[in-house]
C-alpha atoms as a PDB file:
ATOM      1  CA  MET A   1     -71.853 -20.325  27.806  1.00  0.00           C
ATOM      2  CA  SER A   2     -70.963 -18.548  24.823  1.00  0.00           C
ATOM      3  CA  ASP A   3     -68.525 -18.991  21.765  1.00  0.00           C
ATOM      4  CA  ASN A   4     -66.453 -16.551  21.573  1.00  0.00           C
ATOM      5  CA  ARG A   5     -64.433 -16.841  18.186  1.00  0.00           C
ATOM      6  CA  GLN A   6     -62.059 -14.275  16.614  1.00  0.00           C
ATOM      7  CA  SER A   7     -60.558 -14.372  13.393  1.00  0.00           C
ATOM      8  CA  LEU A   8     -57.553 -12.871  12.481  1.00  0.00           C
ATOM      9  CA  SER A   9     -59.256  -9.824  11.096  1.00  0.00           C
ATOM     10  CA  ASP A  10     -61.360  -9.772  14.506  1.00  0.00           C
ATOM     11  CA  LEU A  11     -57.684  -9.509  16.387  1.00  0.00           C
ATOM     12  CA  ALA A  12     -56.092  -6.497  13.756  1.00  0.00           C
ATOM     13  CA  GLY A  13     -58.590  -4.228  15.582  1.00  0.00           C
ATOM     14  CA  LEU A  14     -57.078  -4.976  18.663  1.00  0.00           C
ATOM     15  CA  THR A  15     -53.461  -3.975  18.513  1.00  0.00           C
ATOM     16  CA  GLY A  16     -54.485  -0.234  16.672  1.00  0.00           C
ATOM     17  CA  ALA A  17     -55.363   1.184  20.255  1.00  0.00           C
ATOM     18  CA  ALA A  18     -56.014   5.002  20.177  1.00  0.00           C
ATOM     19  CA  PRO A  19     -53.307   6.803  22.255  1.00  0.00           C
ATOM     20  CA  VAL A  20     -54.530   8.187  25.685  1.00  0.00           C
ATOM     21  CA  ALA A  21     -54.455  12.283  25.844  1.00  0.00           C
ATOM     22  CA  ALA A  22     -52.426  13.458  28.390  1.00  0.00           C
ATOM     23  CA  PRO A  23     -54.424  15.324  30.675  1.00  0.00           C
ATOM     24  CA  VAL A  24     -54.369  19.214  29.898  1.00  0.00           C
ATOM     25  CA  ALA A  25     -53.522  21.991  33.011  1.00  0.00           C
ATOM     26  CA  ALA A  26     -55.962  24.297  34.050  1.00  0.00           C
ATOM     27  CA  ALA A  27     -55.227  27.800  32.394  1.00  0.00           C
ATOM     28  CA  THR A  28     -51.348  28.259  32.634  1.00  0.00           C
ATOM     29  CA  THR A  29     -50.186  30.061  30.258  1.00  0.00           C
ATOM     30  CA  VAL A  30     -46.058  30.305  29.862  1.00  0.00           C
ATOM     31  CA  GLU A  31     -44.394  32.625  27.600  1.00  0.00           C
ATOM     32  CA  ILE A  32     -40.790  31.521  26.120  1.00  0.00           C
ATOM     33  CA  ASP A  33     -38.831  33.435  23.946  1.00  0.00           C
ATOM     34  CA  ALA A  34     -36.268  31.104  23.432  1.00  0.00           C
ATOM     35  CA  PRO A  35     -35.979  29.124  20.102  1.00  0.00           C
ATOM     36  CA  VAL A  36     -37.172  25.700  20.414  1.00  0.00           C
ATOM     37  CA  ALA A  37     -34.974  22.970  19.208  1.00  0.00           C
ATOM     38  CA  PRO A  38     -36.327  19.974  16.833  1.00  0.00           C
ATOM     39  CA  VAL A  39     -36.369  16.687  18.668  1.00  0.00           C
ATOM     40  CA  VAL A  40     -34.110  13.929  17.001  1.00  0.00           C
ATOM     41  CA  VAL A  41     -35.698  10.609  17.496  1.00  0.00           C
ATOM     42  CA  LEU A  42     -33.080   7.852  17.263  1.00  0.00           C
ATOM     43  CA  PRO A  43     -33.990   4.174  16.321  1.00  0.00           C
ATOM     44  CA  THR A  44     -34.018   1.809  19.299  1.00  0.00           C
ATOM     45  CA  MET A  45     -32.175  -0.976  17.557  1.00  0.00           C
ATOM     46  CA  PRO A  46     -30.000  -0.079  14.675  1.00  0.00           C
ATOM     47  CA  LEU A  47     -30.525  -2.026  11.139  1.00  0.00           C
ATOM     48  CA  ARG A  48     -28.519  -4.385   9.942  1.00  0.00           C
ATOM     49  CA  GLU A  49     -26.353  -4.574   7.173  1.00  0.00           C
ATOM     50  CA  ARG A  50     -27.763  -5.776   3.589  1.00  0.00           C
ATOM     51  CA  ILE A  51     -26.361  -8.829   2.342  1.00  0.00           C
ATOM     52  CA  VAL A  52     -26.451  -9.250  -1.525  1.00  0.00           C
ATOM     53  CA  ASP A  53     -23.857 -11.341  -3.242  1.00  0.00           C
ATOM     54  CA  ALA A  54     -22.510  -9.882  -6.517  1.00  0.00           C
ATOM     55  CA  GLN A  55     -25.353 -11.203  -8.724  1.00  0.00           C
ATOM     56  CA  GLY A  56     -27.824  -9.028  -6.322  1.00  0.00           C
ATOM     57  CA  ARG A  57     -29.224 -11.664  -4.930  1.00  0.00           C
ATOM     58  CA  SER A  58     -29.516 -12.404  -0.991  1.00  0.00           C
ATOM     59  CA  TYR A  59     -29.311 -16.444   0.339  1.00  0.00           C
ATOM     60  CA  ALA A  60     -30.576 -17.690   3.414  1.00  0.00           C
ATOM     61  CA  THR A  61     -31.244 -21.486   4.740  1.00  0.00           C
ATOM     62  CA  GLY A  62     -34.683 -22.554   6.237  1.00  0.00           C
ATOM     63  CA  ARG A  63     -35.422 -25.712   7.974  1.00  0.00           C
ATOM     64  CA  ARG A  64     -38.779 -27.228   9.051  1.00  0.00           C
ATOM     65  CA  LYS A  65     -38.903 -31.273  10.337  1.00  0.00           C
ATOM     66  CA  ASP A  66     -36.530 -32.692   8.177  1.00  0.00           C
ATOM     67  CA  ALA A  67     -36.658 -30.305   5.270  1.00  0.00           C
ATOM     68  CA  VAL A  68     -33.899 -28.000   4.755  1.00  0.00           C
ATOM     69  CA  ALA A  69     -34.342 -25.496   1.853  1.00  0.00           C
ATOM     70  CA  ARG A  70     -31.426 -23.085   0.319  1.00  0.00           C
ATOM     71  CA  VAL A  71     -33.233 -19.998  -0.970  1.00  0.00           C
ATOM     72  CA  TRP A  72     -31.928 -17.314  -3.254  1.00  0.00           C
ATOM     73  CA  ILE A  73     -34.192 -14.105  -3.316  1.00  0.00           C
ATOM     74  CA  MET A  74     -33.852 -10.967  -6.309  1.00  0.00           C
ATOM     75  CA  PRO A  75     -35.812  -8.611  -7.656  1.00  0.00           C
ATOM     76  CA  GLY A  76     -38.334  -9.664 -10.368  1.00  0.00           C
ATOM     77  CA  THR A  77     -42.141 -10.535 -11.247  1.00  0.00           C
ATOM     78  CA  GLY A  78     -42.507 -12.608  -7.941  1.00  0.00           C
ATOM     79  CA  ARG A  79     -41.820 -16.336  -9.701  1.00  0.00           C
ATOM     80  CA  VAL A  80     -41.162 -19.170  -7.522  1.00  0.00           C
ATOM     81  CA  ILE A  81     -39.097 -22.376  -8.659  1.00  0.00           C
ATOM     82  CA  VAL A  82     -38.312 -24.859  -6.532  1.00  0.00           C
ATOM     83  CA  ASN A  83     -35.812 -27.983  -7.527  1.00  0.00           C
ATOM     84  CA  GLY A  84     -36.171 -26.745 -11.083  1.00  0.00           C
ATOM     85  CA  ARG A  85     -40.248 -26.384 -11.382  1.00  0.00           C
ATOM     86  CA  ASP A  86     -42.668 -23.906 -10.835  1.00  0.00           C
ATOM     87  CA  GLN A  87     -44.166 -23.482  -7.582  1.00  0.00           C
ATOM     88  CA  ASN A  88     -47.445 -24.733  -9.023  1.00  0.00           C
ATOM     89  CA  SER A  89     -46.127 -28.433 -10.164  1.00  0.00           C
ATOM     90  CA  TYR A  90     -44.447 -28.854  -7.127  1.00  0.00           C
ATOM     91  CA  PHE A  91     -46.450 -27.664  -4.556  1.00  0.00           C
ATOM     92  CA  ALA A  92     -50.017 -29.057  -6.287  1.00  0.00           C
ATOM     93  CA  ARG A  93     -52.002 -28.010  -2.973  1.00  0.00           C
ATOM     94  CA  PRO A  94     -53.167 -24.080  -2.692  1.00  0.00           C
ATOM     95  CA  THR A  95     -52.564 -24.597   1.175  1.00  0.00           C
ATOM     96  CA  LEU A  96     -48.749 -25.002   0.492  1.00  0.00           C
ATOM     97  CA  ARG A  97     -48.212 -22.031  -2.069  1.00  0.00           C
ATOM     98  CA  LEU A  98     -50.259 -20.088   0.269  1.00  0.00           C
ATOM     99  CA  VAL A  99     -47.635 -20.938   3.657  1.00  0.00           C
ATOM    100  CA  ILE A 100     -44.643 -19.858   1.072  1.00  0.00           C
ATOM    101  CA  ASN A 101     -45.954 -16.687   0.468  1.00  0.00           C
ATOM    102  CA  GLN A 102     -46.858 -15.745   3.898  1.00  0.00           C
ATOM    103  CA  PRO A 103     -43.898 -13.449   4.530  1.00  0.00           C
ATOM    104  CA  PHE A 104     -44.424 -11.599   0.630  1.00  0.00           C
ATOM    105  CA  GLU A 105     -47.953 -10.905   1.761  1.00  0.00           C
ATOM    106  CA  VAL A 106     -46.746  -9.822   5.444  1.00  0.00           C
ATOM    107  CA  THR A 107     -44.297  -7.624   4.331  1.00  0.00           C
ATOM    108  CA  ASP A 108     -46.665  -6.393   1.020  1.00  0.00           C
ATOM    109  CA  ARG A 109     -43.611  -7.137  -1.640  1.00  0.00           C
ATOM    110  CA  LYS A 110     -45.787  -9.793  -3.420  1.00  0.00           C
ATOM    111  CA  ASP A 111     -44.753  -9.973  -7.032  1.00  0.00           C
ATOM    112  CA  GLN A 112     -41.886  -8.132  -6.485  1.00  0.00           C
ATOM    113  CA  PHE A 113     -38.905 -11.089  -5.772  1.00  0.00           C
ATOM    114  CA  ASP A 114     -38.469 -13.826  -7.553  1.00  0.00           C
ATOM    115  CA  VAL A 115     -37.261 -17.040  -5.605  1.00  0.00           C
ATOM    116  CA  ILE A 116     -35.181 -19.827  -6.687  1.00  0.00           C
ATOM    117  CA  CYS A 117     -34.970 -22.603  -4.014  1.00  0.00           C
ATOM    118  CA  THR A 118     -33.671 -26.164  -3.427  1.00  0.00           C
ATOM    119  CA  VAL A 119     -35.029 -28.307  -0.814  1.00  0.00           C
ATOM    120  CA  LYS A 120     -33.825 -31.738   0.044  1.00  0.00           C
ATOM    121  CA  GLY A 121     -35.501 -33.967   2.879  1.00  0.00           C
ATOM    122  CA  GLY A 122     -38.589 -34.564   4.642  1.00  0.00           C
ATOM    123  CA  GLY A 123     -42.232 -34.547   3.394  1.00  0.00           C
ATOM    124  CA  LEU A 124     -44.076 -31.429   1.114  1.00  0.00           C
ATOM    125  CA  SER A 125     -45.682 -29.837   4.154  1.00  0.00           C
ATOM    126  CA  GLY A 126     -42.082 -29.492   5.887  1.00  0.00           C
ATOM    127  CA  GLN A 127     -40.296 -28.430   2.696  1.00  0.00           C
ATOM    128  CA  ALA A 128     -43.158 -25.819   2.445  1.00  0.00           C
ATOM    129  CA  GLY A 129     -42.475 -24.647   5.926  1.00  0.00           C
ATOM    130  CA  ALA A 130     -38.546 -25.094   5.275  1.00  0.00           C
ATOM    131  CA  VAL A 131     -39.133 -22.283   1.822  1.00  0.00           C
ATOM    132  CA  LYS A 132     -41.144 -20.084   3.963  1.00  0.00           C
ATOM    133  CA  HIS A 133     -38.791 -19.982   6.868  1.00  0.00           C
ATOM    134  CA  GLY A 134     -35.850 -19.666   4.435  1.00  0.00           C
ATOM    135  CA  ILE A 135     -37.599 -16.543   2.456  1.00  0.00           C
ATOM    136  CA  SER A 136     -38.140 -15.041   5.399  1.00  0.00           C
ATOM    137  CA  GLN A 137     -34.465 -15.146   6.689  1.00  0.00           C
ATOM    138  CA  ALA A 138     -33.526 -13.914   2.712  1.00  0.00           C
ATOM    139  CA  LEU A 139     -35.772 -10.927   2.811  1.00  0.00           C
ATOM    140  CA  THR A 140     -34.224  -9.599   5.999  1.00  0.00           C
ATOM    141  CA  LYS A 141     -31.219 -10.086   4.494  1.00  0.00           C
ATOM    142  CA  TYR A 142     -31.967  -8.026   1.533  1.00  0.00           C
ATOM    143  CA  GLU A 143     -34.467  -5.311   3.097  1.00  0.00           C
ATOM    144  CA  PRO A 144     -33.040  -5.235   6.705  1.00  0.00           C
ATOM    145  CA  ALA A 145     -35.988  -2.513   7.266  1.00  0.00           C
ATOM    146  CA  LEU A 146     -38.393  -5.446   6.420  1.00  0.00           C
ATOM    147  CA  ARG A 147     -37.346  -7.839   9.829  1.00  0.00           C
ATOM    148  CA  ALA A 148     -39.415  -6.163  12.307  1.00  0.00           C
ATOM    149  CA  PRO A 149     -43.255  -6.968  10.250  1.00  0.00           C
ATOM    150  CA  VAL A 150     -41.312 -11.110   9.879  1.00  0.00           C
ATOM    151  CA  LYS A 151     -39.847 -11.080  12.803  1.00  0.00           C
ATOM    152  CA  ALA A 152     -43.718  -9.943  14.707  1.00  0.00           C
ATOM    153  CA  ALA A 153     -45.191 -12.618  12.349  1.00  0.00           C
ATOM    154  CA  GLY A 154     -43.112 -15.579  13.610  1.00  0.00           C
ATOM    155  CA  PHE A 155     -41.531 -16.103  10.215  1.00  0.00           C
ATOM    156  CA  LEU A 156     -38.063 -16.050  11.433  1.00  0.00           C
ATOM    157  CA  THR A 157     -38.056 -18.574  14.220  1.00  0.00           C
ATOM    158  CA  ARG A 158     -37.335 -21.800  13.367  1.00  0.00           C
ATOM    159  CA  ASP A 159     -40.267 -24.558  14.145  1.00  0.00           C
ATOM    160  CA  SER A 160     -38.213 -26.908  16.385  1.00  0.00           C
ATOM    161  CA  ARG A 161     -41.081 -29.910  16.226  1.00  0.00           C
ATOM    162  CA  THR A 162     -39.740 -32.455  15.080  1.00  0.00           C
ATOM    163  CA  VAL A 163     -40.872 -36.207  15.160  1.00  0.00           C
ATOM    164  CA  GLU A 164     -40.109 -38.113  18.626  1.00  0.00           C
ATOM    165  CA  ARG A 165     -38.141 -41.335  17.862  1.00  0.00           C
ATOM    166  CA  LYS A 166     -39.225 -44.726  18.748  1.00  0.00           C
ATOM    167  CA  LYS A 167     -38.802 -46.332  21.711  1.00  0.00           C
ATOM    168  CA  TYR A 168     -37.879 -50.068  22.103  1.00  0.00           C
ATOM    169  CA  GLY A 169     -40.560 -51.931  23.580  1.00  0.00           C
ATOM    170  CA  LYS A 170     -43.383 -49.683  21.987  1.00  0.00           C
ATOM    171  CA  ALA A 171     -44.710 -49.758  18.992  1.00  0.00           C
ATOM    172  CA  LYS A 172     -44.019 -46.342  18.031  1.00  0.00           C
ATOM    173  CA  ALA A 173     -43.011 -43.727  20.228  1.00  0.00           C
ATOM    174  CA  ARG A 174     -45.430 -43.944  22.708  1.00  0.00           C
ATOM    175  CA  LYS A 175     -48.037 -46.375  21.697  1.00  0.00           C
ATOM    176  CA  SER A 176     -47.736 -49.790  23.115  1.00  0.00           C
ATOM    177  CA  PHE A 177     -48.985 -52.797  21.636  1.00  0.00           C
ATOM    178  CA  GLN A 178     -51.879 -54.617  23.021  1.00  0.00           C
ATOM    179  CA  PHE A 179     -52.131 -56.095  26.108  1.00  0.00           C
ATOM    180  CA  SER A 180     -52.615 -59.782  26.550  1.00  0.00           C
ATOM    181  CA  LYS A 181     -54.240 -60.617  30.333  1.00  0.00           C
ATOM    182  CA  ARG A 182     -53.512 -64.385  29.101  1.00  0.00           C
END
């Protein structure tokens, strides 16, 4: 059995399938003297309205686990301020900073927006996910055309997985106490 692992870069080539050419009819010539009308292509879904406040910011709320993030984005140089601190000092691990910047990388808007957010609840991982969710929601409110790539990446969907509650008679949610025969 062979190990067939694929990375995201390998999967990118699968989506760009070449269009299939239509079969050509054998030597049919038709002369038409009528003018050809231009083809108007309508978008399949109307764009949403742009939602911006008086200061030129878009606001959204992001949630993940027990964390809730209130996020404002505005045009700027790419600064991210979380609870009054820079993202490098608040989220010390580079993986958490990578999670926060994913919506900007998907939409090719890196270093174009400043983010100010306040986060409460949960741990650092949940807070980073909440900020990512909030940034994604705010980006689509600021620029509605970006909704398609952000939604395709799955950033607009709230990750509903939370910690399961502890049950009575159990050590944790599912773990039992050690069984004693005597």
